[in-house]
PDB file of N, CA and C in Angstrom:
ATOM      1  N   MET A   1      95.457 107.010  38.065  1.00  0.00           N
ATOM      2  CA  MET A   1      94.845 107.591  39.231  1.00  0.00           C
ATOM      3  C   MET A   1      95.669 108.778  39.693  1.00  0.00           C
ATOM      4  N   SER A   2      94.969 109.797  40.005  1.00  0.00           N
ATOM      5  CA  SER A   2      95.671 110.962  40.501  1.00  0.00           C
ATOM      6  C   SER A   2      95.378 111.126  41.980  1.00  0.00           C
ATOM      7  N   SER A   3      96.287 111.654  42.629  1.00  0.00           N
ATOM      8  CA  SER A   3      96.153 111.820  44.059  1.00  0.00           C
ATOM      9  C   SER A   3      95.611 113.215  44.346  1.00  0.00           C
ATOM     10  N   ASP A   4      94.484 113.281  45.005  1.00  0.00           N
ATOM     11  CA  ASP A   4      93.892 114.560  45.352  1.00  0.00           C
ATOM     12  C   ASP A   4      94.404 115.080  46.704  1.00  0.00           C
ATOM     13  N   LEU A   5      95.217 114.312  47.304  1.00  0.00           N
ATOM     14  CA  LEU A   5      95.721 114.668  48.622  1.00  0.00           C
ATOM     15  C   LEU A   5      96.899 115.610  48.489  1.00  0.00           C
ATOM     16  N   GLN A   6      96.770 116.753  49.084  1.00  0.00           N
ATOM     17  CA  GLN A   6      97.867 117.709  49.055  1.00  0.00           C
ATOM     18  C   GLN A   6      98.261 118.020  50.491  1.00  0.00           C
ATOM     19  N   LEU A   7      99.513 117.971  50.721  1.00  0.00           N
ATOM     20  CA  LEU A   7     100.024 118.239  52.059  1.00  0.00           C
ATOM     21  C   LEU A   7     100.517 119.660  52.147  1.00  0.00           C
ATOM     22  N   ASP A   8     100.108 120.313  53.201  1.00  0.00           N
ATOM     23  CA  ASP A   8     100.649 121.638  53.455  1.00  0.00           C
ATOM     24  C   ASP A   8     102.063 121.478  53.991  1.00  0.00           C
ATOM     25  N   GLU A   9     102.676 122.572  54.230  1.00  0.00           N
ATOM     26  CA  GLU A   9     104.034 122.497  54.750  1.00  0.00           C
ATOM     27  C   GLU A   9     104.030 121.750  56.089  1.00  0.00           C
ATOM     28  N   GLU A  10     105.071 121.035  56.291  1.00  0.00           N
ATOM     29  CA  GLU A  10     105.155 120.229  57.515  1.00  0.00           C
ATOM     30  C   GLU A  10     105.332 121.133  58.719  1.00  0.00           C
ATOM     31  N   LYS A  11     104.539 120.843  59.706  1.00  0.00           N
ATOM     32  CA  LYS A  11     104.667 121.588  60.952  1.00  0.00           C
ATOM     33  C   LYS A  11     105.531 120.770  61.901  1.00  0.00           C
ATOM     34  N   VAL A  12     106.462 121.421  62.474  1.00  0.00           N
ATOM     35  CA  VAL A  12     107.378 120.746  63.383  1.00  0.00           C
ATOM     36  C   VAL A  12     106.970 121.104  64.810  1.00  0.00           C
ATOM     37  N   PHE A  13     106.664 120.074  65.538  1.00  0.00           N
ATOM     38  CA  PHE A  13     106.323 120.267  66.943  1.00  0.00           C
ATOM     39  C   PHE A  13     107.489 119.786  67.768  1.00  0.00           C
ATOM     40  N   SER A  14     107.928 120.614  68.612  1.00  0.00           N
ATOM     41  CA  SER A  14     109.009 120.174  69.477  1.00  0.00           C
ATOM     42  C   SER A  14     108.474 120.117  70.902  1.00  0.00           C
ATOM     43  N   ARG A  15     108.779 119.071  71.537  1.00  0.00           N
ATOM     44  CA  ARG A  15     108.349 118.871  72.916  1.00  0.00           C
ATOM     45  C   ARG A  15     109.550 119.089  73.812  1.00  0.00           C
ATOM     46  N   ARG A  16     109.342 119.896  74.783  1.00  0.00           N
ATOM     47  CA  ARG A  16     110.428 120.159  75.714  1.00  0.00           C
ATOM     48  C   ARG A  16     110.558 118.964  76.641  1.00  0.00           C
ATOM     49  N   THR A  17     111.689 118.353  76.624  1.00  0.00           N
ATOM     50  CA  THR A  17     111.927 117.208  77.501  1.00  0.00           C
ATOM     51  C   THR A  17     112.838 117.649  78.625  1.00  0.00           C
ATOM     52  N   GLU A  18     112.434 117.271  79.805  1.00  0.00           N
ATOM     53  CA  GLU A  18     113.238 117.621  80.965  1.00  0.00           C
ATOM     54  C   GLU A  18     114.171 116.469  81.289  1.00  0.00           C
ATOM     55  N   VAL A  19     115.394 116.806  81.458  1.00  0.00           N
ATOM     56  CA  VAL A  19     116.384 115.818  81.846  1.00  0.00           C
ATOM     57  C   VAL A  19     116.332 115.713  83.369  1.00  0.00           C
ATOM     58  N   PRO A  20     116.118 114.517  83.890  1.00  0.00           N
ATOM     59  CA  PRO A  20     116.050 114.401  85.351  1.00  0.00           C
ATOM     60  C   PRO A  20     117.386 114.779  85.980  1.00  0.00           C
ATOM     61  N   GLN A  21     117.292 115.598  87.008  1.00  0.00           N
ATOM     62  CA  GLN A  21     118.514 116.005  87.690  1.00  0.00           C
ATOM     63  C   GLN A  21     118.936 114.934  88.673  1.00  0.00           C
ATOM     64  N   SER A  22     120.207 114.884  88.903  1.00  0.00           N
ATOM     65  CA  SER A  22     120.710 113.925  89.878  1.00  0.00           C
ATOM     66  C   SER A  22     120.365 114.412  91.280  1.00  0.00           C
ATOM     67  N   SER A  23     120.393 113.497  92.227  1.00  0.00           N
ATOM     68  CA  SER A  23     120.022 113.840  93.601  1.00  0.00           C
ATOM     69  C   SER A  23     121.093 114.723  94.243  1.00  0.00           C
ATOM     70  N   ALA A  24     120.728 115.289  95.373  1.00  0.00           N
ATOM     71  CA  ALA A  24     121.655 116.170  96.082  1.00  0.00           C
ATOM     72  C   ALA A  24     122.876 115.394  96.572  1.00  0.00           C
ATOM     73  N   PHE A  25     122.656 114.130  96.959  1.00  0.00           N
ATOM     74  CA  PHE A  25     123.789 113.317  97.425  1.00  0.00           C
ATOM     75  C   PHE A  25     124.791 113.081  96.295  1.00  0.00           C
ATOM     76  N   VAL A  26     124.278 112.762  95.118  1.00  0.00           N
ATOM     77  CA  VAL A  26     125.163 112.517  93.975  1.00  0.00           C
ATOM     78  C   VAL A  26     125.917 113.801  93.623  1.00  0.00           C
ATOM     79  N   ARG A  27     125.218 114.935  93.631  1.00  0.00           N
ATOM     80  CA  ARG A  27     125.894 116.204  93.345  1.00  0.00           C
ATOM     81  C   ARG A  27     126.954 116.513  94.399  1.00  0.00           C
ATOM     82  N   PHE A  28     126.671 116.166  95.664  1.00  0.00           N
ATOM     83  CA  PHE A  28     127.665 116.398  96.714  1.00  0.00           C
ATOM     84  C   PHE A  28     128.907 115.542  96.487  1.00  0.00           C
ATOM     85  N   ILE A  29     128.708 114.273  96.165  1.00  0.00           N
ATOM     86  CA  ILE A  29     129.857 113.382  95.908  1.00  0.00           C
ATOM     87  C   ILE A  29     130.655 113.882  94.707  1.00  0.00           C
ATOM     88  N   LEU A  30     129.946 114.348  93.675  1.00  0.00           N
ATOM     89  CA  LEU A  30     130.643 114.870  92.505  1.00  0.00           C
ATOM     90  C   LEU A  30     131.405 116.157  92.839  1.00  0.00           C
ATOM     91  N   SER A  31     130.869 116.946  93.755  1.00  0.00           N
ATOM     92  CA  SER A  31     131.551 118.197  94.110  1.00  0.00           C
ATOM     93  C   SER A  31     132.828 117.951  94.905  1.00  0.00           C
ATOM     94  N   THR A  32     132.902 116.802  95.586  1.00  0.00           N
ATOM     95  CA  THR A  32     134.129 116.486  96.322  1.00  0.00           C
ATOM     96  C   THR A  32     135.233 115.996  95.394  1.00  0.00           C
ATOM     97  N   ARG A  33     134.870 115.701  94.154  1.00  0.00           N
ATOM     98  CA  ARG A  33     135.801 115.223  93.128  1.00  0.00           C
ATOM     99  C   ARG A  33     136.454 113.885  93.493  1.00  0.00           C
ATOM    100  N   LEU A  34     135.732 113.091  94.280  1.00  0.00           N
ATOM    101  CA  LEU A  34     136.221 111.741  94.581  1.00  0.00           C
ATOM    102  C   LEU A  34     135.974 110.811  93.406  1.00  0.00           C
ATOM    103  N   VAL A  35     134.914 111.070  92.667  1.00  0.00           N
ATOM    104  CA  VAL A  35     134.576 110.275  91.484  1.00  0.00           C
ATOM    105  C   VAL A  35     134.328 111.241  90.331  1.00  0.00           C
ATOM    106  N   LYS A  36     134.274 110.669  89.120  1.00  0.00           N
ATOM    107  CA  LYS A  36     134.160 111.534  87.943  1.00  0.00           C
ATOM    108  C   LYS A  36     132.777 111.522  87.307  1.00  0.00           C
ATOM    109  N   THR A  37     132.040 110.428  87.436  1.00  0.00           N
ATOM    110  CA  THR A  37     130.744 110.334  86.768  1.00  0.00           C
ATOM    111  C   THR A  37     129.630 110.130  87.785  1.00  0.00           C
ATOM    112  N   GLU A  38     128.393 110.377  87.318  1.00  0.00           N
ATOM    113  CA  GLU A  38     127.237 110.179  88.197  1.00  0.00           C
ATOM    114  C   GLU A  38     127.083 108.710  88.569  1.00  0.00           C
ATOM    115  N   LYS A  39     127.360 107.831  87.635  1.00  0.00           N
ATOM    116  CA  LYS A  39     127.234 106.393  87.895  1.00  0.00           C
ATOM    117  C   LYS A  39     128.188 105.971  89.015  1.00  0.00           C
ATOM    118  N   GLN A  40     129.421 106.464  88.970  1.00  0.00           N
ATOM    119  CA  GLN A  40     130.382 106.144  90.021  1.00  0.00           C
ATOM    120  C   GLN A  40     129.930 106.709  91.367  1.00  0.00           C
ATOM    121  N   ALA A  41     129.338 107.888  91.349  1.00  0.00           N
ATOM    122  CA  ALA A  41     128.836 108.487  92.590  1.00  0.00           C
ATOM    123  C   ALA A  41     127.697 107.657  93.160  1.00  0.00           C
ATOM    124  N   GLU A  42     126.812 107.143  92.299  1.00  0.00           N
ATOM    125  CA  GLU A  42     125.719 106.291  92.769  1.00  0.00           C
ATOM    126  C   GLU A  42     126.257 104.998  93.377  1.00  0.00           C
ATOM    127  N   TYR A  43     127.250 104.411  92.735  1.00  0.00           N
ATOM    128  CA  TYR A  43     127.856 103.191  93.289  1.00  0.00           C
ATOM    129  C   TYR A  43     128.531 103.481  94.628  1.00  0.00           C
ATOM    130  N   MET A  44     129.155 104.635  94.729  1.00  0.00           N
ATOM    131  CA  MET A  44     129.802 104.997  95.987  1.00  0.00           C
ATOM    132  C   MET A  44     128.765 105.151  97.094  1.00  0.00           C
ATOM    133  N   LEU A  45     127.637 105.766  96.788  1.00  0.00           N
ATOM    134  CA  LEU A  45     126.578 105.914  97.783  1.00  0.00           C
ATOM    135  C   LEU A  45     125.996 104.562  98.183  1.00  0.00           C
ATOM    136  N   LEU A  46     125.858 103.651  97.225  1.00  0.00           N
ATOM    137  CA  LEU A  46     125.404 102.293  97.559  1.00  0.00           C
ATOM    138  C   LEU A  46     126.396 101.605  98.488  1.00  0.00           C
ATOM    139  N   GLY A  47     127.682 101.795  98.227  1.00  0.00           N
ATOM    140  CA  GLY A  47     128.707 101.216  99.090  1.00  0.00           C
ATOM    141  C   GLY A  47     128.663 101.790 100.495  1.00  0.00           C
ATOM    142  N   VAL A  48     128.449 103.097 100.606  1.00  0.00           N
ATOM    143  CA  VAL A  48     128.359 103.732 101.920  1.00  0.00           C
ATOM    144  C   VAL A  48     127.139 103.205 102.676  1.00  0.00           C
ATOM    145  N   ALA A  49     126.007 103.052 101.968  1.00  0.00           N
ATOM    146  CA  ALA A  49     124.799 102.527 102.613  1.00  0.00           C
ATOM    147  C   ALA A  49     125.007 101.082 103.060  1.00  0.00           C
ATOM    148  N   GLY A  50     125.654 100.273 102.230  1.00  0.00           N
ATOM    149  CA  GLY A  50     125.941  98.887 102.594  1.00  0.00           C
ATOM    150  C   GLY A  50     126.877  98.796 103.784  1.00  0.00           C
ATOM    151  N   ALA A  51     127.904  99.632 103.800  1.00  0.00           N
ATOM    152  CA  ALA A  51     128.838  99.638 104.931  1.00  0.00           C
ATOM    153  C   ALA A  51     128.124 100.068 106.214  1.00  0.00           C
ATOM    154  N   GLY A  52     127.230 101.038 106.113  1.00  0.00           N
ATOM    155  CA  GLY A  52     126.466 101.466 107.280  1.00  0.00           C
ATOM    156  C   GLY A  52     125.578 100.362 107.812  1.00  0.00           C
ATOM    157  N   LEU A  53     124.973  99.604 106.904  1.00  0.00           N
ATOM    158  CA  LEU A  53     124.137  98.477 107.313  1.00  0.00           C
ATOM    159  C   LEU A  53     124.963  97.413 108.030  1.00  0.00           C
ATOM    160  N   ILE A  54     126.130  97.104 107.499  1.00  0.00           N
ATOM    161  CA  ILE A  54     126.991  96.088 108.116  1.00  0.00           C
ATOM    162  C   ILE A  54     127.462  96.558 109.498  1.00  0.00           C
ATOM    163  N   VAL A  55     127.858  97.818 109.618  1.00  0.00           N
ATOM    164  CA  VAL A  55     128.292  98.346 110.917  1.00  0.00           C
ATOM    165  C   VAL A  55     127.144  98.299 111.919  1.00  0.00           C
ATOM    166  N   THR A  56     125.945  98.633 111.477  1.00  0.00           N
ATOM    167  CA  THR A  56     124.782  98.589 112.367  1.00  0.00           C
ATOM    168  C   THR A  56     124.523  97.177 112.866  1.00  0.00           C
ATOM    169  N   ILE A  57     124.613  96.198 111.989  1.00  0.00           N
ATOM    170  CA  ILE A  57     124.394  94.801 112.386  1.00  0.00           C
ATOM    171  C   ILE A  57     125.463  94.359 113.384  1.00  0.00           C
ATOM    172  N   ILE A  58     126.718  94.699 113.116  1.00  0.00           N
ATOM    173  CA  ILE A  58     127.808  94.291 114.006  1.00  0.00           C
ATOM    174  C   ILE A  58     127.649  94.921 115.387  1.00  0.00           C
ATOM    175  N   VAL A  59     127.334  96.206 115.426  1.00  0.00           N
ATOM    176  CA  VAL A  59     127.172  96.888 116.713  1.00  0.00           C
ATOM    177  C   VAL A  59     125.995  96.316 117.486  1.00  0.00           C
ATOM    178  N   SER A  60     124.896  96.032 116.811  1.00  0.00           N
ATOM    179  CA  SER A  60     123.736  95.474 117.517  1.00  0.00           C
ATOM    180  C   SER A  60     124.029  94.069 118.040  1.00  0.00           C
ATOM    181  N   VAL A  61     124.777  93.276 117.295  1.00  0.00           N
ATOM    182  CA  VAL A  61     125.131  91.929 117.775  1.00  0.00           C
ATOM    183  C   VAL A  61     126.036  92.030 119.000  1.00  0.00           C
ATOM    184  N   ILE A  62     126.970  92.961 118.982  1.00  0.00           N
ATOM    185  CA  ILE A  62     127.872  93.119 120.129  1.00  0.00           C
ATOM    186  C   ILE A  62     127.097  93.515 121.370  1.00  0.00           C
ATOM    187  N   PHE A  63     126.178  94.462 121.238  1.00  0.00           N
ATOM    188  CA  PHE A  63     125.414  94.897 122.402  1.00  0.00           C
ATOM    189  C   PHE A  63     124.429  93.845 122.871  1.00  0.00           C
ATOM    190  N   LEU A  64     123.845  93.085 121.956  1.00  0.00           N
ATOM    191  CA  LEU A  64     122.913  92.039 122.375  1.00  0.00           C
ATOM    192  C   LEU A  64     123.639  90.889 123.052  1.00  0.00           C
ATOM    193  N   ARG A  65     124.817  90.562 122.561  1.00  0.00           N
ATOM    194  CA  ARG A  65     125.579  89.467 123.160  1.00  0.00           C
ATOM    195  C   ARG A  65     126.117  89.860 124.521  1.00  0.00           C
ATOM    196  N   GLY A  66     126.406  91.125 124.732  1.00  0.00           N
ATOM    197  CA  GLY A  66     126.970  91.587 125.987  1.00  0.00           C
ATOM    198  C   GLY A  66     125.937  91.827 127.070  1.00  0.00           C
ATOM    199  N   SER A  67     124.653  91.705 126.756  1.00  0.00           N
ATOM    200  CA  SER A  67     123.632  91.963 127.766  1.00  0.00           C
ATOM    201  C   SER A  67     123.567  90.799 128.753  1.00  0.00           C
ATOM    202  N   ASN A  68     123.014  91.069 129.914  1.00  0.00           N
ATOM    203  CA  ASN A  68     122.919  90.060 130.966  1.00  0.00           C
ATOM    204  C   ASN A  68     121.931  88.975 130.565  1.00  0.00           C
ATOM    205  N   PRO A  69     122.260  87.729 130.864  1.00  0.00           N
ATOM    206  CA  PRO A  69     121.315  86.655 130.571  1.00  0.00           C
ATOM    207  C   PRO A  69     120.107  86.760 131.494  1.00  0.00           C
ATOM    208  N   PRO A  70     118.994  86.190 131.091  1.00  0.00           N
ATOM    209  CA  PRO A  70     117.819  86.245 131.962  1.00  0.00           C
ATOM    210  C   PRO A  70     118.086  85.533 133.288  1.00  0.00           C
ATOM    211  N   VAL A  71     117.469  86.039 134.356  1.00  0.00           N
ATOM    212  CA  VAL A  71     117.689  85.493 135.698  1.00  0.00           C
ATOM    213  C   VAL A  71     116.860  84.226 135.862  1.00  0.00           C
ATOM    214  N   ASN A  72     117.519  83.176 136.309  1.00  0.00           N
ATOM    215  CA  ASN A  72     116.831  81.926 136.613  1.00  0.00           C
ATOM    216  C   ASN A  72     116.449  81.965 138.088  1.00  0.00           C
ATOM    217  N   PRO A  73     115.163  81.996 138.424  1.00  0.00           N
ATOM    218  CA  PRO A  73     114.777  82.127 139.834  1.00  0.00           C
ATOM    219  C   PRO A  73     115.113  80.886 140.665  1.00  0.00           C
ATOM    220  N   TYR A  74     115.406  79.769 140.029  1.00  0.00           N
ATOM    221  CA  TYR A  74     115.698  78.542 140.762  1.00  0.00           C
ATOM    222  C   TYR A  74     117.192  78.335 140.961  1.00  0.00           C
ATOM    223  N   ARG A  75     117.980  79.308 140.547  1.00  0.00           N
ATOM    224  CA  ARG A  75     119.416  79.202 140.722  1.00  0.00           C
ATOM    225  C   ARG A  75     119.761  79.338 142.195  1.00  0.00           C
ATOM    226  N   GLU A  76     120.829  78.703 142.596  1.00  0.00           N
ATOM    227  CA  GLU A  76     121.235  78.726 143.998  1.00  0.00           C
ATOM    228  C   GLU A  76     121.533  80.155 144.429  1.00  0.00           C
ATOM    229  N   GLY A  77     121.071  80.498 145.607  1.00  0.00           N
ATOM    230  CA  GLY A  77     121.299  81.814 146.140  1.00  0.00           C
ATOM    231  C   GLY A  77     120.150  82.770 145.882  1.00  0.00           C
ATOM    232  N   GLN A  78     119.198  82.379 145.082  1.00  0.00           N
ATOM    233  CA  GLN A  78     118.042  83.228 144.806  1.00  0.00           C
ATOM    234  C   GLN A  78     116.929  82.861 145.775  1.00  0.00           C
ATOM    235  N   SER A  79     116.286  83.852 146.333  1.00  0.00           N
ATOM    236  CA  SER A  79     115.160  83.557 147.212  1.00  0.00           C
ATOM    237  C   SER A  79     113.890  83.587 146.377  1.00  0.00           C
ATOM    238  N   VAL A  80     113.202  82.471 146.366  1.00  0.00           N
ATOM    239  CA  VAL A  80     111.999  82.338 145.567  1.00  0.00           C
ATOM    240  C   VAL A  80     110.882  81.900 146.496  1.00  0.00           C
ATOM    241  N   LEU A  81     109.769  82.574 146.407  1.00  0.00           N
ATOM    242  CA  LEU A  81     108.621  82.237 147.221  1.00  0.00           C
ATOM    243  C   LEU A  81     107.748  81.270 146.439  1.00  0.00           C
ATOM    244  N   ILE A  82     107.638  80.051 146.953  1.00  0.00           N
ATOM    245  CA  ILE A  82     106.825  79.028 146.299  1.00  0.00           C
ATOM    246  C   ILE A  82     105.675  78.695 147.223  1.00  0.00           C
ATOM    247  N   TYR A  83     104.495  78.829 146.706  1.00  0.00           N
ATOM    248  CA  TYR A  83     103.299  78.509 147.501  1.00  0.00           C
ATOM    249  C   TYR A  83     103.078  77.011 147.484  1.00  0.00           C
ATOM    250  N   PRO A  84     102.737  76.451 148.657  1.00  0.00           N
ATOM    251  CA  PRO A  84     102.470  74.993 148.698  1.00  0.00           C
ATOM    252  C   PRO A  84     101.151  74.695 147.990  1.00  0.00           C
ATOM    253  N   ARG A  85     101.082  73.522 147.414  1.00  0.00           N
ATOM    254  CA  ARG A  85      99.861  73.106 146.749  1.00  0.00           C
ATOM    255  C   ARG A  85      98.841  72.687 147.797  1.00  0.00           C
ATOM    256  N   VAL A  86      97.663  73.057 147.535  1.00  0.00           N
ATOM    257  CA  VAL A  86      96.577  72.697 148.462  1.00  0.00           C
ATOM    258  C   VAL A  86      95.875  71.471 147.886  1.00  0.00           C
ATOM    259  N   ASN A  87      95.839  70.409 148.709  1.00  0.00           N
ATOM    260  CA  ASN A  87      95.160  69.205 148.257  1.00  0.00           C
ATOM    261  C   ASN A  87      93.656  69.430 148.339  1.00  0.00           C
ATOM    262  N   GLN A  88      93.025  69.246 147.264  1.00  0.00           N
ATOM    263  CA  GLN A  88      91.579  69.366 147.252  1.00  0.00           C
ATOM    264  C   GLN A  88      91.003  67.980 147.073  1.00  0.00           C
ATOM    265  N   SER A  89      90.474  67.428 148.159  1.00  0.00           N
ATOM    266  CA  SER A  89      89.870  66.101 148.088  1.00  0.00           C
ATOM    267  C   SER A  89      88.389  66.241 147.848  1.00  0.00           C
ATOM    268  N   PRO A  90      87.819  65.415 147.002  1.00  0.00           N
ATOM    269  CA  PRO A  90      86.373  65.490 146.779  1.00  0.00           C
ATOM    270  C   PRO A  90      85.583  64.858 147.857  1.00  0.00           C
TER     271      PRO A  90
END
């Protein structure tokens, strides 16, 4: 059997692939030279976000705990107007 199939020269198609750029925050951390790689910069940003979350929780707990307790109107020294019950007889 002979092969009637003939291939022309191979055409090479190249697809331009875009490399995703790192975020502005990662580039900023890298520009400060605190870390050397993008991965380290991402971990550093995660740490900063986590620390911010913890500080926010602590500050909110401090302010909520320091607020005044609700006023009990039946506490001694409080003037409370209580209406008498009206007896309704059938």
